[in-house]
Amino acid sequence: MLRSPGHAPQPIVSRHVAVIGAGAAGLVTARELSREGHSVVVFERGDQVGGTWVYTPNVESDPIGLEPTRTTVHSSLYDSLRTNIPREAMGFRDYPFVPKDDPDRDPRRFPGHREVLMYLQDFTREFRIDELVRFETEVVRVRLVEEEKWKIKSKQRSGKEMGLELDEIFDAVVVCNGHFTEPRVAYIPGINEWPGKQMHSHNYRDPEPFRDKVVVLIGNSVSAFDISWEVAGVAKEIHIAARTVIDGTFGKQPAYDNMWRHPMIKDVCEDGSVNFLDGSIVIADIILHCTGRGWEMLKPSTHHLKLLALQSDTLIVWVIIW
């Protein structure tokens, strides 16, 4: 019920709402909207719920992620990834993320990625959200039509109806397809002539491809820490290039016999050398960009942008409608 100061509660008008994406945001959005009486359809291009928490060993056809026509992979999970915030802070308010008394589950306070996916699957089953989801259905266009309605064109990605396109009308659209999708890559003078390989951390899965290699890793945040520690176990050398160092410890790193920390890369050369701003030089096989990903949501097909607040006694959902 809607409540205004000094006025009696008003009944909620049921809307036909499209939710794009069945990751954590899409699942909880679908649940809140449906229990407030709205008609909800969730479009999910994958074959299961979980979004970025669905691990795959597959990587993109372009390891650095710059080729526009590359085969894309949604998830950035690497095999050993664990959460860096406690499970108590990750669960939904009325469905806490508590350890399960099950030998197949991960009871740790900072669990691995598989446990997060299983929690989202539990949440989906508990509230029967899967009944609202159209799996392997990709949204290819959202546009404004008459009477403040929105037309969604979707396409089947598999099965007997693979390639079939369908147009449908909705009152509102919730975009829950994630936003950190485009790789950020460091600018390196001379990189076009450098003979080594480059990779973005989005395509990192395990350390084996770096065995016995000299690796230059760019970055100084969470993924850079995780990956550098793991790669150091198999690489010949690992050299970390960072803009800033919290404790000021450039040079050889304690507890490792093959890890060094440097300021940023000055340039690279045709002979395979990587030159750092402090004057140090290494001949490297691979440059690994642990430099994050940028913001890109569902691209608009119209210049109209609306914000629609769907209100209830317990929740306000801001719906970005393109």
Protein backbone atom coordinates (compact mmCIF):
# COMPACT_ATOMS: atom_id res chain seq x y z
CA MET A 1 0.00 0.00 0.00
CA LEU A 2 1.20 3.52 -0.78
CA ARG A 3 1.14 5.93 2.16
CA SER A 4 1.25 9.72 1.90
CA PRO A 5 1.47 12.07 4.88
CA GLY A 6 -2.05 12.90 6.05
CA HIS A 7 -3.74 10.56 3.58
CA ALA A 8 -5.22 7.08 3.80
CA PRO A 9 -3.24 4.21 2.23
CA GLN A 10 -3.80 3.81 -1.50
CA PRO A 11 -3.86 0.42 -3.24
CA ILE A 12 -0.90 -0.46 -5.44
CA VAL A 13 -1.68 -0.58 -9.15
CA SER A 14 -0.36 -3.83 -10.58
CA ARG A 15 2.19 -3.32 -13.35
CA HIS A 16 3.57 -5.68 -15.97
CA VAL A 17 7.33 -5.48 -15.31
CA ALA A 18 10.31 -6.91 -17.18
CA VAL A 19 13.44 -7.70 -15.19
CA ILE A 20 16.59 -8.15 -17.26
CA GLY A 21 19.03 -10.52 -15.59
CA ALA A 22 18.68 -13.30 -13.00
CA GLY A 23 21.71 -12.52 -10.89
CA ALA A 24 21.46 -11.38 -7.27
CA ALA A 25 19.90 -8.01 -8.17
CA GLY A 26 17.41 -9.49 -10.63
CA LEU A 27 16.32 -12.25 -8.25
CA VAL A 28 15.58 -9.99 -5.30
CA THR A 29 13.91 -7.42 -7.56
CA ALA A 30 11.63 -10.08 -9.03
CA ARG A 31 10.74 -11.37 -5.59
CA GLU A 32 9.87 -7.93 -4.17
CA LEU A 33 7.85 -6.88 -7.20
CA SER A 34 5.88 -10.11 -7.43
CA ARG A 35 4.98 -10.23 -3.75
CA GLU A 36 3.61 -6.69 -4.03
CA GLY A 37 1.23 -7.84 -6.73
CA HIS A 38 3.11 -6.93 -9.91
CA SER A 39 3.27 -9.26 -12.92
CA VAL A 40 6.95 -10.06 -13.47
CA VAL A 41 8.93 -11.65 -16.31
CA VAL A 42 12.67 -12.20 -15.81
CA PHE A 43 14.83 -12.46 -18.92
CA GLU A 44 18.05 -14.44 -18.40
CA ARG A 45 20.37 -15.19 -21.30
CA GLY A 46 22.15 -17.96 -19.39
CA ASP A 47 20.79 -21.38 -18.47
CA GLN A 48 20.67 -20.82 -14.70
CA VAL A 49 20.29 -18.15 -12.05
CA GLY A 50 23.30 -16.53 -10.41
CA GLY A 51 24.66 -14.01 -12.90
CA THR A 52 28.32 -13.29 -12.26
CA TRP A 53 28.43 -16.04 -9.60
CA VAL A 54 28.08 -18.75 -12.25
CA TYR A 55 31.66 -19.96 -12.69
CA THR A 56 32.89 -21.13 -16.08
CA PRO A 57 36.40 -22.24 -17.07
CA ASN A 58 35.75 -20.70 -20.49
CA VAL A 59 37.47 -17.42 -21.39
CA GLU A 60 36.97 -14.89 -24.14
CA SER A 61 38.50 -15.32 -27.59
CA ASP A 62 40.51 -12.11 -27.07
CA PRO A 63 42.40 -12.48 -23.75
CA ILE A 64 42.71 -8.74 -23.20
CA GLY A 65 39.06 -8.10 -24.10
CA LEU A 66 39.43 -5.25 -26.59
CA GLU A 67 38.29 -6.91 -29.83
CA PRO A 68 34.64 -5.84 -30.38
CA THR A 69 33.75 -9.07 -32.22
CA ARG A 70 35.28 -11.36 -29.58
CA THR A 71 33.34 -14.24 -28.06
CA THR A 72 32.33 -12.79 -24.69
CA VAL A 73 32.07 -14.49 -21.29
CA HIS A 74 29.97 -12.81 -18.60
CA SER A 75 31.65 -13.99 -15.41
CA SER A 76 35.05 -12.84 -14.13
CA LEU A 77 35.32 -15.55 -11.46
CA TYR A 78 38.58 -17.43 -11.09
CA ASP A 79 38.61 -20.94 -9.73
CA SER A 80 40.03 -20.14 -6.28
CA LEU A 81 38.00 -16.97 -5.65
CA ARG A 82 36.53 -16.41 -2.18
CA THR A 83 34.41 -13.50 -1.03
CA ASN A 84 36.25 -10.57 0.51
CA ILE A 85 33.33 -9.55 2.72
CA PRO A 86 31.71 -11.77 5.35
CA ARG A 87 28.61 -13.78 4.50
CA GLU A 88 26.64 -11.83 7.12
CA ALA A 89 26.94 -8.74 4.91
CA MET A 90 26.01 -10.53 1.68
CA GLY A 91 22.61 -12.06 2.45
CA PHE A 92 19.20 -10.53 1.83
CA ARG A 93 17.58 -9.04 4.91
CA ASP A 94 14.88 -11.66 5.43
CA TYR A 95 16.88 -14.57 3.97
CA PRO A 96 20.27 -14.51 5.73
CA PHE A 97 23.32 -16.15 4.22
CA VAL A 98 24.01 -18.62 7.03
CA PRO A 99 26.17 -21.76 6.92
CA LYS A 100 24.31 -24.95 6.01
CA ASP A 101 24.68 -28.23 7.89
CA ASP A 102 25.63 -30.04 4.72
CA PRO A 103 29.01 -31.61 3.91
CA ASP A 104 28.69 -30.36 0.33
CA ARG A 105 28.51 -26.74 1.45
CA ASP A 106 31.21 -24.21 2.42
CA PRO A 107 30.70 -23.06 6.04
CA ARG A 108 33.50 -20.47 6.06
CA ARG A 109 32.68 -16.88 6.92
CA PHE A 110 34.39 -15.83 3.68
CA PRO A 111 33.19 -18.66 1.42
CA GLY A 112 34.17 -19.64 -2.08
CA HIS A 113 32.17 -18.55 -5.11
CA ARG A 114 30.32 -21.88 -5.38
CA GLU A 115 28.72 -21.32 -1.96
CA VAL A 116 27.43 -17.89 -3.05
CA LEU A 117 25.85 -19.44 -6.15
CA MET A 118 24.21 -22.15 -4.04
CA TYR A 119 22.80 -19.49 -1.71
CA LEU A 120 21.23 -17.70 -4.68
CA GLN A 121 19.84 -21.03 -5.92
CA ASP A 122 18.37 -21.67 -2.44
CA PHE A 123 16.79 -18.21 -2.46
CA THR A 124 15.30 -18.87 -5.91
CA ARG A 125 13.75 -22.17 -4.84
CA GLU A 126 12.47 -20.81 -1.51
CA PHE A 127 10.45 -18.07 -3.18
CA ARG A 128 9.75 -19.92 -6.46
CA ILE A 129 11.40 -17.20 -8.51
CA ASP A 130 12.43 -19.71 -11.17
CA GLU A 131 8.77 -19.80 -12.25
CA LEU A 132 9.19 -16.19 -13.41
CA VAL A 133 12.45 -16.71 -15.33
CA ARG A 134 12.83 -17.30 -19.05
CA PHE A 135 16.22 -18.92 -19.36
CA GLU A 136 18.45 -18.64 -22.42
CA THR A 137 16.45 -15.63 -23.56
CA GLU A 138 18.44 -12.55 -24.52
CA VAL A 139 17.02 -9.03 -24.57
CA VAL A 140 18.19 -7.37 -27.77
CA ARG A 141 16.18 -4.12 -27.70
CA VAL A 142 14.17 -1.98 -25.30
CA ARG A 143 12.33 1.06 -26.64
CA LEU A 144 9.60 3.50 -25.69
CA VAL A 145 6.28 3.10 -27.47
CA GLU A 146 2.89 4.77 -27.20
CA GLU A 147 1.12 5.48 -23.90
CA GLU A 148 4.28 5.27 -21.82
CA LYS A 149 4.73 1.58 -22.53
CA TRP A 150 7.96 -0.23 -23.30
CA LYS A 151 8.54 -2.75 -26.07
CA ILE A 152 11.09 -5.49 -25.46
CA LYS A 153 12.48 -7.60 -28.26
CA SER A 154 13.95 -10.87 -26.99
CA LYS A 155 15.65 -13.77 -28.75
CA GLN A 156 15.87 -17.46 -27.89
CA ARG A 157 19.49 -18.64 -27.57
CA SER A 158 18.96 -22.41 -27.72
CA GLY A 159 16.49 -25.24 -28.26
CA LYS A 160 13.98 -25.82 -31.02
CA GLU A 161 13.11 -22.12 -31.09
CA MET A 162 16.72 -20.92 -31.23
CA GLY A 163 16.90 -17.56 -32.97
CA LEU A 164 13.17 -16.89 -32.57
CA GLU A 165 12.50 -13.23 -31.76
CA LEU A 166 9.52 -12.02 -29.75
CA ASP A 167 8.15 -8.51 -29.15
CA GLU A 168 6.28 -7.81 -25.90
CA ILE A 169 4.87 -4.75 -24.15
CA PHE A 170 5.63 -3.88 -20.50
CA ASP A 171 4.76 -1.04 -18.14
CA ALA A 172 8.26 -0.87 -16.69
CA VAL A 173 11.72 -2.37 -17.11
CA VAL A 174 14.31 -3.12 -14.43
CA VAL A 175 17.84 -3.43 -15.80
CA CYS A 176 19.75 -5.94 -13.61
CA ASN A 177 22.35 -7.15 -16.08
CA GLY A 178 25.37 -5.82 -14.22
CA HIS A 179 27.44 -2.78 -15.04
CA PHE A 180 31.15 -3.62 -14.80
CA THR A 181 31.39 -5.15 -18.26
CA GLU A 182 34.05 -3.34 -20.30
CA PRO A 183 37.71 -4.04 -19.45
CA ARG A 184 39.94 -1.19 -18.38
CA VAL A 185 43.42 -1.60 -19.81
CA ALA A 186 46.50 0.40 -18.86
CA TYR A 187 48.02 2.67 -21.52
CA ILE A 188 51.54 1.42 -22.26
CA PRO A 189 53.75 3.25 -24.79
CA GLY A 190 55.22 0.84 -27.32
CA ILE A 191 52.75 -1.98 -26.64
CA ASN A 192 51.94 -2.51 -30.33
CA GLU A 193 55.56 -3.51 -31.00
CA TRP A 194 56.05 -5.53 -27.83
CA PRO A 195 56.23 -9.28 -28.71
CA GLY A 196 54.77 -10.74 -25.51
CA LYS A 197 51.20 -11.68 -24.61
CA GLN A 198 48.61 -9.59 -22.78
CA MET A 199 45.65 -10.69 -20.69
CA HIS A 200 42.96 -8.97 -18.63
CA SER A 201 42.14 -10.46 -15.23
CA HIS A 202 38.57 -11.03 -16.46
CA ASN A 203 40.01 -13.98 -18.38
CA TYR A 204 42.11 -15.36 -15.52
CA ARG A 205 40.92 -18.73 -14.20
CA ASP A 206 43.96 -20.47 -12.69
CA PRO A 207 47.74 -19.96 -12.55
CA GLU A 208 48.80 -22.83 -14.83
CA PRO A 209 49.21 -20.74 -18.04
CA PHE A 210 51.84 -18.68 -16.18
CA ARG A 211 54.04 -21.60 -15.16
CA ASP A 212 57.75 -20.80 -15.61
CA LYS A 213 56.90 -17.44 -17.18
CA VAL A 214 58.09 -13.93 -16.32
CA VAL A 215 54.88 -12.06 -15.58
CA VAL A 216 54.24 -8.34 -15.20
CA LEU A 217 51.00 -7.71 -13.34
CA ILE A 218 49.45 -4.23 -13.39
CA GLY A 219 47.21 -3.34 -10.45
CA ASN A 220 47.10 -2.83 -6.71
CA SER A 221 43.62 -3.87 -5.60
CA VAL A 222 41.83 -7.04 -4.54
CA SER A 223 42.08 -9.07 -7.74
CA ALA A 224 45.73 -8.05 -8.16
CA PHE A 225 46.54 -9.29 -4.65
CA ASP A 226 44.73 -12.62 -5.12
CA ILE A 227 46.15 -13.35 -8.54
CA SER A 228 49.72 -12.25 -7.79
CA TRP A 229 49.89 -14.54 -4.74
CA GLU A 230 48.52 -17.46 -6.75
CA VAL A 231 50.67 -16.90 -9.85
CA ALA A 232 53.81 -16.55 -7.71
CA GLY A 233 53.46 -20.24 -6.88
CA VAL A 234 54.17 -21.30 -10.47
CA ALA A 235 55.77 -18.35 -12.31
CA LYS A 236 59.50 -17.89 -12.76
CA GLU A 237 59.16 -14.24 -11.74
CA ILE A 238 56.27 -11.89 -11.08
CA HIS A 239 56.68 -8.11 -11.21
CA ILE A 240 53.82 -5.96 -9.92
CA ALA A 241 53.40 -2.47 -11.37
CA ALA A 242 51.36 -0.15 -9.13
CA ARG A 243 50.63 3.56 -9.08
CA THR A 244 50.71 3.64 -5.30
CA VAL A 245 51.84 1.32 -2.55
CA ILE A 246 50.17 1.61 0.84
CA ASP A 247 53.21 0.60 2.87
CA GLY A 248 55.76 2.04 0.45
CA THR A 249 57.51 -1.28 -0.10
CA PHE A 250 58.82 -1.31 -3.64
CA GLY A 251 61.43 -3.86 -4.60
CA LYS A 252 61.71 -7.50 -3.53
CA GLN A 253 58.65 -8.63 -1.59
CA PRO A 254 58.99 -10.42 1.75
CA ALA A 255 57.94 -14.08 1.94
CA TYR A 256 58.49 -14.55 -1.80
CA ASP A 257 61.68 -15.33 -3.67
CA ASN A 258 60.23 -14.44 -7.08
CA MET A 259 58.07 -11.34 -6.53
CA TRP A 260 59.00 -7.69 -6.96
CA ARG A 261 56.94 -4.51 -6.76
CA HIS A 262 57.62 -1.53 -9.03
CA PRO A 263 56.11 1.85 -9.87
CA MET A 264 54.15 1.98 -13.12
CA ILE A 265 55.46 0.95 -16.53
CA LYS A 266 57.25 3.68 -18.48
CA ASP A 267 57.22 1.85 -21.81
CA VAL A 268 57.87 -1.50 -23.49
CA CYS A 269 60.16 -2.39 -26.40
CA GLU A 270 60.44 -4.76 -29.35
CA ASP A 271 63.08 -6.85 -27.58
CA GLY A 272 60.49 -7.88 -24.95
CA SER A 273 61.73 -5.51 -22.26
CA VAL A 274 59.39 -3.75 -19.85
CA ASN A 275 60.79 -0.49 -18.48
CA PHE A 276 59.50 0.85 -15.16
CA LEU A 277 59.49 4.46 -13.95
CA ASP A 278 62.16 3.68 -11.35
CA GLY A 279 64.60 2.65 -14.11
CA SER A 280 64.34 -1.09 -13.54
CA ILE A 281 63.97 -3.35 -16.58
CA VAL A 282 62.71 -6.92 -17.02
CA ILE A 283 62.29 -9.15 -20.07
CA ALA A 284 58.71 -10.41 -19.68
CA ASP A 285 56.54 -13.04 -21.34
CA ILE A 286 53.10 -11.81 -20.25
CA ILE A 287 51.50 -8.57 -19.07
CA LEU A 288 48.43 -9.22 -16.93
CA HIS A 289 46.06 -6.25 -16.50
CA CYS A 290 44.32 -6.43 -13.09
CA THR A 291 42.87 -3.01 -13.75
CA GLY A 292 39.16 -3.51 -13.28
CA ARG A 293 36.21 -3.09 -15.58
CA GLY A 294 34.16 -0.06 -16.57
CA TRP A 295 30.48 0.86 -16.49
CA GLU A 296 28.21 -0.14 -19.34
CA MET A 297 24.54 -0.95 -18.88
CA LEU A 298 21.98 -1.99 -21.46
CA LYS A 299 22.52 0.45 -24.31
CA PRO A 300 19.56 2.77 -24.94
CA SER A 301 17.73 2.77 -28.24
CA THR A 302 16.06 6.08 -27.34
CA HIS A 303 17.15 9.31 -25.69
CA HIS A 304 14.32 9.08 -23.17
CA LEU A 305 15.38 8.14 -19.67
CA LYS A 306 12.80 7.71 -16.92
CA LEU A 307 13.05 6.80 -13.30
CA LEU A 308 10.01 5.03 -11.94
CA ALA A 309 9.62 4.39 -8.22
CA LEU A 310 7.62 1.28 -7.38
CA GLN A 311 6.84 1.70 -3.69
CA SER A 312 5.66 -0.67 -0.99
CA ASP A 313 5.55 -0.69 2.79
CA THR A 314 9.05 -2.17 2.94
CA LEU A 315 10.88 -1.25 -0.22
CA ILE A 316 11.41 1.42 -2.86
CA VAL A 317 12.80 0.04 -6.09
CA TRP A 318 14.25 2.58 -8.51
CA VAL A 319 13.78 1.26 -11.99
CA ILE A 320 16.03 2.66 -14.70
CA ILE A 321 14.01 2.60 -17.91
CA TRP A 322 15.71 3.23 -21.23
